[in-house]
């Protein structure tokens, strides 16, 4: 099980908004696939999948605000 965590985003940026999930729970994802689009005050960016496997849980929905270190989703490897 791999937790997808919101990483450090840069100086002074402490949170982001989930804009769009590219996959839904149950979908197979590959390492480095764009997993989720996030927006901050300064930019919009995609967070890639850290591993290959099945996206088993999406913890934050589109429109939710997340903080650095929050777990966004769970991927079951294999």
Protein backbone atom coordinates (compact mmCIF):
# COMPACT_ATOMS: atom_id res chain seq x y z
CA UNK A 1 0.00 0.00 0.00
CA UNK A 2 1.39 3.38 -1.02
CA UNK A 3 0.07 6.68 0.27
CA UNK A 4 -0.01 9.54 -2.23
CA UNK A 5 1.08 12.56 -0.19
CA UNK A 6 0.99 16.25 -1.10
CA UNK A 7 4.70 17.18 -1.23
CA UNK A 8 6.38 20.47 -0.41
CA UNK A 9 5.30 22.92 -3.12
CA UNK A 10 7.67 25.81 -2.67
CA UNK A 11 8.39 28.67 -0.36
CA UNK A 12 5.29 30.09 1.30
CA UNK A 13 2.88 27.57 -0.27
CA UNK A 14 1.17 25.47 2.38
CA UNK A 15 -1.99 24.21 0.67
CA UNK A 16 -3.53 23.40 -2.67
CA UNK A 17 -6.99 22.68 -4.08
CA UNK A 18 -7.82 19.38 -5.79
CA UNK A 19 -8.95 20.37 -9.29
CA UNK A 20 -9.36 17.05 -11.11
CA UNK A 21 -8.70 13.34 -10.59
CA UNK A 22 -7.51 11.57 -13.75
CA UNK A 23 -8.44 8.15 -12.31
CA UNK A 24 -11.21 6.80 -10.08
CA UNK A 25 -10.99 4.12 -7.38
CA UNK A 26 -10.53 0.70 -8.95
CA UNK A 27 -8.54 2.03 -11.92
CA UNK A 28 -5.07 0.73 -12.74
CA UNK A 29 -2.39 3.42 -12.69
CA UNK A 30 1.22 3.33 -13.82
CA UNK A 31 4.14 4.99 -12.10
CA UNK A 32 4.46 8.63 -13.26
CA UNK A 33 0.93 8.76 -14.75
CA UNK A 34 -0.70 12.11 -13.99
CA UNK A 35 -2.87 11.19 -11.01
CA UNK A 36 -4.40 14.45 -9.84
CA UNK A 37 -4.40 18.11 -10.88
CA UNK A 38 -3.85 20.60 -8.06
CA UNK A 39 -4.11 24.38 -7.97
CA UNK A 40 -2.36 26.86 -5.68
CA UNK A 41 -2.46 30.65 -5.56
CA UNK A 42 0.50 30.65 -7.95
CA UNK A 43 0.15 27.67 -10.30
CA UNK A 44 -1.72 24.62 -11.52
CA UNK A 45 0.23 21.37 -11.66
CA UNK A 46 -0.19 17.60 -11.95
CA UNK A 47 0.97 15.21 -9.26
CA UNK A 48 2.24 11.94 -10.77
CA UNK A 49 1.56 8.49 -9.35
CA UNK A 50 4.49 7.37 -7.16
CA UNK A 51 4.02 3.71 -8.18
CA UNK A 52 2.09 1.32 -10.40
CA UNK A 53 -0.97 -0.46 -9.03
CA UNK A 54 -4.69 -0.04 -8.36
CA UNK A 55 -6.04 3.25 -7.04
CA UNK A 56 -8.01 1.92 -4.08
CA UNK A 57 -9.07 5.11 -2.32
CA UNK A 58 -9.38 8.82 -3.09
CA UNK A 59 -9.43 10.68 0.23
CA UNK A 60 -10.01 14.24 -0.98
CA UNK A 61 -12.64 15.13 -3.58
CA UNK A 62 -12.41 17.71 -6.35
CA UNK A 63 -12.76 21.16 -4.79
CA UNK A 64 -11.25 20.11 -1.44
CA UNK A 65 -8.33 22.04 0.02
CA UNK A 66 -5.35 19.94 1.12
CA UNK A 67 -2.27 20.81 3.14
CA UNK A 68 1.36 19.78 2.71
CA UNK A 69 1.76 16.22 4.02
CA UNK A 70 -1.92 15.26 3.65
CA UNK A 71 -2.62 11.82 2.19
CA UNK A 72 -4.55 12.35 -1.06
CA UNK A 73 -5.08 8.74 -2.11
CA UNK A 74 -4.04 5.11 -1.56
CA UNK A 75 -2.55 2.86 -4.27
CA UNK A 76 -2.29 -0.90 -3.82
CA UNK A 77 0.89 -1.95 -5.60
CA UNK A 78 1.16 -5.06 -7.72
